[in-house]
Amino acid sequence: MSHLSRLKTQMVDKGFLMAALEDLGYSPRDEPHDIRSFGGQTVQVELSVSLKFGTEIGFRNNKGRYEIVGDWWGALGTSQKEFSGRLMQRYAYHASLARLEEQGFTLVSEENKETGQIHLVLRRVV
């Protein structure tokens, strides 16, 4: 049965979230609007992305953390687990780099491994 499900996350920064979505090939719609399930249920979100066949996955801030909202029944080509896993990895990538750059580190090299891991080499000159 079609319905909107919510997945709580640890994502707190909208800029990192948008960068992660763009890394995954999405063009985020950054404005408050309603998304709808195939069953007609609606919920307001702050930003969203369109998947295949017009399915929208939204994001809304709930008590300082973004939650993923969507009707996964119509999300052909991906699952909630796959989508959220890839998204959270890219979010962590951007958040980590930003925090390390604040501490004076610079990215020297990056390697994306077949296992899905990302190996970063950073340097800080003291």
Protein backbone atom coordinates (compact mmCIF):
# COMPACT_ATOMS: atom_id res chain seq x y z
CA MET A 1 0.00 0.00 0.00
CA SER A 2 1.22 3.44 -0.89
CA HIS A 3 2.07 5.90 1.91
CA LEU A 4 4.63 8.52 2.88
CA SER A 5 7.28 7.19 5.22
CA ARG A 6 9.69 9.25 7.28
CA LEU A 7 13.30 8.36 7.99
CA LYS A 8 15.08 10.27 10.74
CA THR A 9 18.71 11.16 10.05
CA GLN A 10 21.62 12.91 11.71
CA MET A 11 21.87 15.46 8.87
CA VAL A 12 21.68 19.01 10.25
CA ASP A 13 23.25 21.26 7.58
CA LYS A 14 21.14 22.15 4.54
CA GLY A 15 24.19 23.16 2.48
CA PHE A 16 25.86 19.77 2.95
CA LEU A 17 22.56 18.03 2.19
CA MET A 18 22.14 19.95 -1.07
CA ALA A 19 25.77 19.28 -2.08
CA ALA A 20 25.28 15.56 -1.39
CA LEU A 21 22.11 15.46 -3.50
CA GLU A 22 23.90 17.23 -6.35
CA ASP A 23 26.80 14.73 -6.10
CA LEU A 24 24.24 11.96 -6.65
CA GLY A 25 22.97 13.67 -9.82
CA TYR A 26 19.83 15.31 -8.45
CA SER A 27 18.70 18.92 -8.85
CA PRO A 28 17.14 19.82 -5.48
CA ARG A 29 14.02 21.97 -5.42
CA ASP A 30 14.85 24.36 -2.58
CA GLU A 31 11.54 25.85 -1.46
CA PRO A 32 8.73 24.83 0.88
CA HIS A 33 6.12 22.78 -0.99
CA ASP A 34 3.93 19.70 -0.64
CA ILE A 35 4.86 16.25 -1.90
CA ARG A 36 2.22 13.60 -2.45
CA SER A 37 2.10 9.84 -2.13
CA PHE A 38 0.46 7.66 -4.76
CA GLY A 39 -2.42 7.28 -2.31
CA GLY A 40 -2.99 11.05 -2.13
CA GLN A 41 -1.39 11.73 1.27
CA THR A 42 0.55 15.03 1.35
CA VAL A 43 3.23 16.53 3.57
CA GLN A 44 5.11 19.82 3.39
CA VAL A 45 8.87 19.63 2.88
CA GLU A 46 11.65 22.23 2.65
CA LEU A 47 13.36 20.69 -0.35
CA SER A 48 12.90 17.71 -2.62
CA VAL A 49 14.32 15.77 -5.55
CA SER A 50 12.49 14.01 -8.34
CA LEU A 51 13.16 10.36 -9.00
CA LYS A 52 12.18 8.38 -12.09
CA PHE A 53 8.56 8.65 -13.20
CA GLY A 54 7.91 11.82 -11.18
CA THR A 55 8.22 10.38 -7.67
CA GLU A 56 9.39 13.06 -5.24
CA ILE A 57 11.50 12.44 -2.17
CA GLY A 58 11.42 15.33 0.29
CA PHE A 59 13.43 16.59 3.20
CA ARG A 60 12.15 18.52 6.17
CA ASN A 61 13.77 19.84 9.27
CA ASN A 62 12.37 18.21 12.37
CA LYS A 63 13.86 19.50 15.63
CA GLY A 64 17.13 20.52 13.99
CA ARG A 65 17.67 17.33 11.97
CA TYR A 66 16.52 16.56 8.45
CA GLU A 67 14.26 13.61 7.84
CA ILE A 68 13.75 11.93 4.48
CA VAL A 69 10.09 11.77 3.47
CA GLY A 70 8.77 9.80 0.52
CA ASP A 71 6.54 7.17 -0.96
CA TRP A 72 9.04 4.42 -1.74
CA TRP A 73 6.40 2.23 -3.34
CA GLY A 74 6.65 4.38 -6.48
CA ALA A 75 10.42 4.93 -6.34
CA LEU A 76 11.48 2.63 -9.15
CA GLY A 77 15.19 1.95 -9.52
CA THR A 78 16.12 2.61 -5.89
CA SER A 79 15.08 1.68 -2.37
CA GLN A 80 14.87 3.78 0.76
CA LYS A 81 17.89 1.95 2.18
CA GLU A 82 20.01 2.38 -0.96
CA PHE A 83 19.06 6.05 -1.45
CA SER A 84 19.57 7.04 2.19
CA GLY A 85 22.86 5.13 2.45
CA ARG A 86 24.40 6.81 -0.59
CA LEU A 87 23.02 10.21 0.49
CA MET A 88 24.37 9.97 4.03
CA GLN A 89 27.79 8.90 2.75
CA ARG A 90 27.98 11.98 0.50
CA TYR A 91 26.68 14.19 3.34
CA ALA A 92 29.38 12.86 5.68
CA TYR A 93 31.98 13.48 2.97
CA HIS A 94 31.06 17.17 2.68
CA ALA A 95 30.68 17.66 6.44
CA SER A 96 34.04 16.01 7.16
CA LEU A 97 35.92 17.99 4.54
CA ALA A 98 34.42 21.26 5.76
CA ARG A 99 35.32 20.53 9.40
CA LEU A 100 38.85 19.46 8.49
CA GLU A 101 39.39 22.54 6.31
CA GLU A 102 38.31 24.68 9.29
CA GLN A 103 41.15 23.02 11.21
CA GLY A 104 43.69 23.89 8.51
CA PHE A 105 43.75 20.65 6.52
CA THR A 106 43.75 20.56 2.72
CA LEU A 107 42.69 17.66 0.52
CA VAL A 108 45.69 16.05 -1.19
CA SER A 109 44.03 13.06 -2.85
CA GLU A 110 40.81 11.11 -2.96
CA GLU A 111 40.26 7.49 -3.98
CA ASN A 112 36.85 5.87 -4.47
CA LYS A 113 37.22 2.16 -3.84
CA GLU A 114 35.15 -0.62 -5.43
CA THR A 115 33.74 -1.43 -1.99
CA GLY A 116 32.12 2.01 -1.88
CA GLN A 117 34.63 3.37 0.61
CA ILE A 118 36.22 6.75 0.04
CA HIS A 119 39.88 7.12 1.01
CA LEU A 120 40.94 10.73 1.63
CA VAL A 121 44.46 11.99 2.19
CA LEU A 122 44.64 15.38 3.88
CA ARG A 123 47.58 17.50 4.91
CA ARG A 124 48.04 20.30 7.39
CA VAL A 125 51.10 22.49 7.38
CA VAL A 126 52.10 23.68 10.85
